[in-house]
């Protein structure tokens, strides 16, 4: 009989690529991972891995077994959800991953509602970049997470994970108000214009020679800004790399550059030193969890609380879907 824990290791090797990466993610030693995979090969009765220089890759039999492992792990999540439903009364830890703007603007209200309805549940929030969510969910470090994607950075399908839509956000170009206004600018400084610009590329190209403020490389936010500018015909000259949008806007107000920011990143009192121009692009936020776990009462309860907490003024809000 194949061991589920070893199947999980094989699945992680297929996703992460190296035994060292699997060991680091699951807090094992590389030798322990290798040993367990060797046992799995003996259980299977044929080679599942083959050496490629200093690394390994899955054989066709190993790749086929990973597909079965995905199905087995999904059914186990469904079984866990059924058992939790049968027990009745939610209790215990719920490990939640969320990115900073959602953690500040939406998650607190959802946690308040969750505590009222399910006082025995213990939500535990960790700020997690969406790019790291898939590994954290598959490794069991998180039970549920908020992830986002942009028009220029669509989310890739992640084996073993499922998502549900939550809401969409407008995107804005933030520029120092002291600069000459963009030709498409039609609303007061610091205010949010609910209508998109007629030519997003023209708005961005107005600042093609300006210094830019982006998120740190490797994040979806960084890729979004770079790709949006490239689609407009130029590569941004990055001066500052900052992940926190309040700091980004402070740098814009100080005349340090321009930036693309989401609607939840510009909440609060309007800063007259910053001019915000609505772009046609959007950021979309989804709820992510392991395949089969969507029916788990704790995951479903948190999703319902999140939808109720979504501000009604978000552009393209999908909280009711």
Protein backbone atom coordinates (compact mmCIF):
# COMPACT_ATOMS: atom_id res chain seq x y z
CA UNK A 1 0.00 0.00 0.00
CA UNK A 2 1.38 3.41 -0.97
CA UNK A 3 1.96 5.82 1.89
CA UNK A 4 0.12 9.16 1.54
CA UNK A 5 2.91 11.11 3.23
CA UNK A 6 5.41 9.81 0.72
CA UNK A 7 3.04 10.59 -2.13
CA UNK A 8 2.95 14.15 -0.86
CA UNK A 9 6.76 14.30 -0.99
CA UNK A 10 6.72 13.07 -4.58
CA UNK A 11 4.10 15.68 -5.48
CA UNK A 12 6.22 18.42 -3.91
CA UNK A 13 9.29 17.22 -5.81
CA UNK A 14 7.32 17.49 -9.05
CA UNK A 15 6.37 21.10 -8.17
CA UNK A 16 9.63 22.36 -6.60
CA UNK A 17 12.13 20.57 -8.81
CA UNK A 18 14.83 19.57 -6.31
CA UNK A 19 15.06 17.44 -3.20
CA UNK A 20 16.75 20.34 -1.38
CA UNK A 21 13.77 22.61 -2.11
CA UNK A 22 11.33 19.97 -0.87
CA UNK A 23 13.37 19.49 2.29
CA UNK A 24 13.50 23.22 2.99
CA UNK A 25 9.78 23.70 2.40
CA UNK A 26 8.69 20.77 4.57
CA UNK A 27 11.40 21.18 7.24
CA UNK A 28 13.02 17.83 6.52
CA UNK A 29 16.65 17.07 5.85
CA UNK A 30 17.51 16.30 2.21
CA UNK A 31 18.66 12.84 3.23
CA UNK A 32 15.30 12.17 4.92
CA UNK A 33 13.43 13.21 1.78
CA UNK A 34 15.66 10.99 -0.38
CA UNK A 35 15.18 8.08 2.00
CA UNK A 36 11.37 8.41 1.99
CA UNK A 37 11.27 8.65 -1.79
CA UNK A 38 13.41 5.52 -1.97
CA UNK A 39 10.89 3.71 0.22
CA UNK A 40 8.10 4.94 -2.07
CA UNK A 41 9.93 3.49 -5.08
CA UNK A 42 10.14 0.13 -3.33
CA UNK A 43 6.43 0.33 -2.51
CA UNK A 44 5.67 1.14 -6.15
CA UNK A 45 7.91 -1.64 -7.46
CA UNK A 46 9.58 0.42 -10.19
CA UNK A 47 11.79 3.52 -10.55
CA UNK A 48 10.04 6.84 -9.96
CA UNK A 49 13.15 9.07 -10.18
CA UNK A 50 16.21 9.17 -12.38
CA UNK A 51 19.49 11.01 -11.87
CA UNK A 52 20.29 14.00 -14.08
CA UNK A 53 23.77 15.15 -13.12
CA UNK A 54 23.48 16.43 -9.57
CA UNK A 55 19.68 16.49 -9.65
CA UNK A 56 16.79 14.13 -10.21
CA UNK A 57 13.72 14.10 -12.40
CA UNK A 58 10.57 12.05 -12.40
CA UNK A 59 10.28 9.04 -14.69
CA UNK A 60 7.05 8.61 -16.70
CA UNK A 61 5.85 6.28 -13.95
CA UNK A 62 6.66 8.95 -11.35
CA UNK A 63 4.79 11.61 -13.29
CA UNK A 64 1.76 9.33 -13.58
CA UNK A 65 1.88 8.61 -9.87
CA UNK A 66 1.90 12.35 -9.15
CA UNK A 67 -1.36 12.69 -11.04
CA UNK A 68 -2.86 9.97 -8.88
CA UNK A 69 -1.41 11.64 -5.79
CA UNK A 70 -3.20 14.89 -6.68
CA UNK A 71 -6.51 13.01 -6.87
CA UNK A 72 -5.86 11.15 -3.61
CA UNK A 73 -4.92 14.31 -1.73
CA UNK A 74 -8.00 16.11 -3.04
CA UNK A 75 -10.24 13.28 -1.85
CA UNK A 76 -8.58 13.41 1.57
CA UNK A 77 -9.36 17.13 1.76
CA UNK A 78 -12.97 16.36 0.90
CA UNK A 79 -13.08 13.67 3.58
CA UNK A 80 -11.69 16.11 6.14
CA UNK A 81 -14.35 18.63 5.14
CA UNK A 82 -17.09 16.01 5.54
CA UNK A 83 -15.81 15.03 8.98
CA UNK A 84 -15.64 18.66 10.09
CA UNK A 85 -19.22 19.16 8.93
CA UNK A 86 -20.34 16.05 10.83
CA UNK A 87 -18.64 17.17 14.04
CA UNK A 88 -20.53 20.48 13.98
CA UNK A 89 -19.29 23.63 15.69
CA UNK A 90 -16.10 25.08 14.24
CA UNK A 91 -13.07 25.00 16.50
CA UNK A 92 -9.29 25.05 16.25
CA UNK A 93 -6.76 26.92 14.16
CA UNK A 94 -7.43 28.33 10.70
CA UNK A 95 -4.16 29.47 9.09
CA UNK A 96 -4.77 32.38 6.74
CA UNK A 97 -2.40 34.00 4.28
CA UNK A 98 -3.10 37.53 3.05
CA UNK A 99 -1.22 40.32 1.29
CA UNK A 100 -0.81 43.67 3.14
CA UNK A 101 -3.56 45.83 1.58
CA UNK A 102 -6.19 43.12 2.08
CA UNK A 103 -4.86 42.43 5.58
CA UNK A 104 -5.44 46.08 6.48
CA UNK A 105 -8.64 46.90 4.60
CA UNK A 106 -10.74 43.73 4.55
CA UNK A 107 -9.45 40.95 6.81
CA UNK A 108 -10.08 42.68 10.20
CA UNK A 109 -13.80 43.13 9.51
CA UNK A 110 -14.01 39.52 8.32
CA UNK A 111 -12.33 38.30 11.51
CA UNK A 112 -14.80 40.24 13.66
CA UNK A 113 -17.74 38.60 11.86
CA UNK A 114 -16.06 35.20 12.05
CA UNK A 115 -15.53 35.51 15.82
CA UNK A 116 -19.18 36.38 16.37
CA UNK A 117 -20.47 33.37 14.46
CA UNK A 118 -17.75 30.85 15.33
CA UNK A 119 -16.10 31.78 18.64
CA UNK A 120 -14.32 28.43 18.85
CA UNK A 121 -12.41 29.04 15.63
CA UNK A 122 -8.92 30.49 16.01
CA UNK A 123 -7.90 32.37 12.84
CA UNK A 124 -4.16 32.93 12.48
CA UNK A 125 -3.17 35.50 9.84
CA UNK A 126 0.24 35.63 8.18
CA UNK A 127 1.16 38.25 5.59
CA UNK A 128 2.13 36.20 2.55
CA UNK A 129 3.06 37.38 -0.92
CA UNK A 130 0.71 35.77 -3.46
CA UNK A 131 3.72 34.32 -5.28
CA UNK A 132 4.48 32.17 -2.21
CA UNK A 133 0.92 31.05 -1.46
CA UNK A 134 0.81 27.92 -3.64
CA UNK A 135 3.79 26.28 -1.92
CA UNK A 136 2.52 27.29 1.53
CA UNK A 137 -0.92 25.79 0.88
CA UNK A 138 0.42 22.54 -0.56
CA UNK A 139 2.89 22.20 2.30
CA UNK A 140 0.09 22.65 4.84
CA UNK A 141 1.52 25.86 6.26
CA UNK A 142 -1.70 27.67 5.28
CA UNK A 143 -5.31 26.49 5.09
CA UNK A 144 -6.65 29.36 3.01
CA UNK A 145 -5.18 32.50 1.44
CA UNK A 146 -5.97 35.64 -0.49
CA UNK A 147 -4.14 35.93 -3.80
CA UNK A 148 -4.29 38.50 -6.54
CA UNK A 149 -3.58 38.83 -10.24
CA UNK A 150 -3.31 41.74 -12.66
CA UNK A 151 -4.38 42.20 -16.25
CA UNK A 152 -0.70 42.05 -17.29
CA UNK A 153 0.16 39.26 -14.81
CA UNK A 154 -2.58 36.62 -14.99
CA UNK A 155 -2.52 33.81 -12.45
CA UNK A 156 -1.17 30.49 -13.69
CA UNK A 157 -3.19 27.36 -12.80
CA UNK A 158 -1.69 25.66 -9.75
CA UNK A 159 -2.09 21.88 -9.53
CA UNK A 160 -3.62 20.84 -6.24
CA UNK A 161 -5.18 24.26 -5.59
CA UNK A 162 -8.57 25.82 -6.26
CA UNK A 163 -9.70 29.45 -6.17
CA UNK A 164 -12.91 31.44 -5.84
CA UNK A 165 -13.29 35.08 -6.97
CA UNK A 166 -13.72 37.77 -4.30
CA UNK A 167 -13.47 41.26 -5.83
CA UNK A 168 -11.72 43.49 -8.33
CA UNK A 169 -9.91 46.80 -7.82
CA UNK A 170 -9.28 49.81 -10.01
CA UNK A 171 -5.66 50.75 -10.69
CA UNK A 172 -4.23 54.29 -10.63
CA UNK A 173 -1.13 56.07 -11.83
CA UNK A 174 0.21 58.11 -8.91
CA UNK A 175 2.29 61.15 -9.89
CA UNK A 176 3.48 64.28 -8.07
CA UNK A 177 0.76 66.94 -8.26
CA UNK A 178 3.41 69.58 -8.95
CA UNK A 179 3.99 68.09 -12.41
CA UNK A 180 1.96 69.27 -15.39
CA UNK A 181 -1.32 67.31 -15.46
CA UNK A 182 -1.80 64.44 -17.85
CA UNK A 183 -3.90 65.22 -20.93
CA UNK A 184 -6.52 62.72 -19.71
CA UNK A 185 -6.71 64.20 -16.20
CA UNK A 186 -10.27 65.30 -15.38
CA UNK A 187 -10.64 65.22 -11.57
CA UNK A 188 -9.22 67.11 -8.55
CA UNK A 189 -5.83 66.33 -7.11
CA UNK A 190 -5.88 63.47 -4.64
CA UNK A 191 -9.39 62.29 -5.62
CA UNK A 192 -10.25 58.95 -7.18
CA UNK A 193 -11.72 59.24 -10.65
CA UNK A 194 -14.27 56.41 -11.14
CA UNK A 195 -13.95 56.51 -14.93
CA UNK A 196 -10.96 55.05 -16.72
CA UNK A 197 -8.66 57.02 -19.00
CA UNK A 198 -9.38 56.78 -22.72
CA UNK A 199 -5.83 55.67 -23.54
CA UNK A 200 -3.91 53.92 -20.77
CA UNK A 201 -0.77 53.72 -22.90
CA UNK A 202 -0.81 57.49 -23.46
CA UNK A 203 -1.16 58.11 -19.71
CA UNK A 204 1.83 55.88 -18.95
CA UNK A 205 3.95 57.24 -21.82
CA UNK A 206 3.54 60.74 -20.40
CA UNK A 207 5.89 59.55 -17.65
CA UNK A 208 8.21 57.41 -19.78
CA UNK A 209 11.24 59.54 -18.83
CA UNK A 210 10.30 59.92 -15.18
CA UNK A 211 11.82 57.82 -12.39
CA UNK A 212 9.51 54.99 -11.31
CA UNK A 213 8.71 53.42 -7.97
CA UNK A 214 7.92 49.71 -8.14
CA UNK A 215 7.56 46.80 -5.76
CA UNK A 216 10.57 44.56 -5.21
CA UNK A 217 11.55 42.20 -8.05
CA UNK A 218 9.95 38.77 -7.90
CA UNK A 219 6.57 40.10 -6.79
CA UNK A 220 3.45 40.26 -8.94
CA UNK A 221 3.19 44.00 -8.27
CA UNK A 222 6.65 44.60 -9.73
CA UNK A 223 5.89 42.50 -12.80
CA UNK A 224 2.59 44.35 -13.29
CA UNK A 225 4.23 47.79 -13.46
CA UNK A 226 7.04 46.67 -15.76
CA UNK A 227 4.73 44.84 -18.17
CA UNK A 228 2.16 47.66 -18.27
CA UNK A 229 4.91 50.13 -19.18
CA UNK A 230 6.38 47.78 -21.77
CA UNK A 231 2.92 47.38 -23.32
CA UNK A 232 2.86 51.20 -23.56
CA UNK A 233 6.14 51.14 -25.48
CA UNK A 234 8.88 51.76 -22.89
CA UNK A 235 10.71 50.13 -20.00
CA UNK A 236 10.42 52.05 -16.72
CA UNK A 237 13.55 53.53 -15.19
CA UNK A 238 13.20 52.24 -11.64
CA UNK A 239 14.58 54.44 -8.87
CA UNK A 240 12.93 52.99 -5.76
CA UNK A 241 11.70 49.48 -4.93
CA UNK A 242 9.12 49.51 -2.13
CA UNK A 243 6.37 47.00 -1.33
CA UNK A 244 4.19 49.05 1.03
CA UNK A 245 1.85 51.33 -0.90
CA UNK A 246 1.59 54.02 1.80
CA UNK A 247 5.36 54.42 1.54
CA UNK A 248 5.14 54.43 -2.27
CA UNK A 249 2.63 57.32 -2.15
CA UNK A 250 4.81 59.19 0.34
CA UNK A 251 7.72 58.94 -2.09
CA UNK A 252 5.48 60.12 -4.94
CA UNK A 253 4.39 63.10 -2.82
CA UNK A 254 8.08 63.89 -2.23
CA UNK A 255 8.66 64.10 -5.98
CA UNK A 256 10.68 60.88 -6.11
CA UNK A 257 8.87 59.29 -9.00
CA UNK A 258 5.62 57.86 -10.28
CA UNK A 259 3.96 54.53 -9.52
CA UNK A 260 1.00 52.31 -10.34
CA UNK A 261 -1.08 51.53 -7.25
CA UNK A 262 -4.31 49.60 -6.59
CA UNK A 263 -7.45 51.14 -5.14
CA UNK A 264 -6.94 49.60 -1.69
CA UNK A 265 -3.46 51.10 -1.67
CA UNK A 266 -4.80 54.68 -1.85
CA UNK A 267 -7.51 54.56 0.80
CA UNK A 268 -7.55 57.25 3.48
CA UNK A 269 -7.41 61.06 3.30
CA UNK A 270 -6.49 62.41 -0.12
CA UNK A 271 -2.97 63.82 -0.36
CA UNK A 272 -3.00 67.05 -2.41
CA UNK A 273 0.65 66.40 -3.31
CA UNK A 274 -0.33 63.27 -5.27
CA UNK A 275 -2.31 63.19 -8.50
CA UNK A 276 -4.16 59.91 -9.17
CA UNK A 277 -5.18 59.01 -12.72
CA UNK A 278 -7.49 56.04 -13.23
CA UNK A 279 -6.12 53.38 -15.55
CA UNK A 280 -8.08 50.79 -17.48
CA UNK A 281 -6.32 47.83 -15.86
CA UNK A 282 -7.57 45.98 -12.77
CA UNK A 283 -6.31 43.91 -9.87
CA UNK A 284 -8.45 40.88 -9.04
CA UNK A 285 -8.40 39.09 -5.69
CA UNK A 286 -9.31 35.43 -5.20
CA UNK A 287 -9.61 33.08 -2.27
CA UNK A 288 -7.24 30.09 -2.64
CA UNK A 289 -7.25 26.74 -0.87
CA UNK A 290 -6.25 23.13 -1.47
CA UNK A 291 -8.38 21.28 -4.00
CA UNK A 292 -11.22 19.58 -2.17
CA UNK A 293 -11.05 21.95 0.82
CA UNK A 294 -13.57 24.48 -0.48
CA UNK A 295 -16.40 22.67 1.31
CA UNK A 296 -14.58 22.61 4.65
CA UNK A 297 -16.81 24.55 7.08
CA UNK A 298 -13.95 26.74 8.33
CA UNK A 299 -12.80 27.65 4.83
CA UNK A 300 -16.38 28.30 3.70
CA UNK A 301 -17.11 30.42 6.80
CA UNK A 302 -14.02 32.54 6.26
CA UNK A 303 -14.89 33.02 2.60
CA UNK A 304 -18.41 34.17 3.51
CA UNK A 305 -17.05 36.60 6.10
CA UNK A 306 -14.60 38.02 3.54
CA UNK A 307 -17.32 38.61 0.96
CA UNK A 308 -19.42 40.45 3.51
CA UNK A 309 -16.40 42.63 4.39
CA UNK A 310 -15.58 43.71 0.81
CA UNK A 311 -16.13 47.50 0.52
CA UNK A 312 -19.00 48.18 -1.91
CA UNK A 313 -17.05 50.88 -3.78
CA UNK A 314 -14.40 48.53 -5.16
CA UNK A 315 -14.39 48.68 -8.96
CA UNK A 316 -15.59 45.43 -10.47
CA UNK A 317 -16.49 44.06 -7.03
CA UNK A 318 -17.33 40.38 -7.27
CA UNK A 319 -18.17 39.73 -3.63
CA UNK A 320 -21.63 38.49 -4.53
CA UNK A 321 -20.51 35.80 -6.98
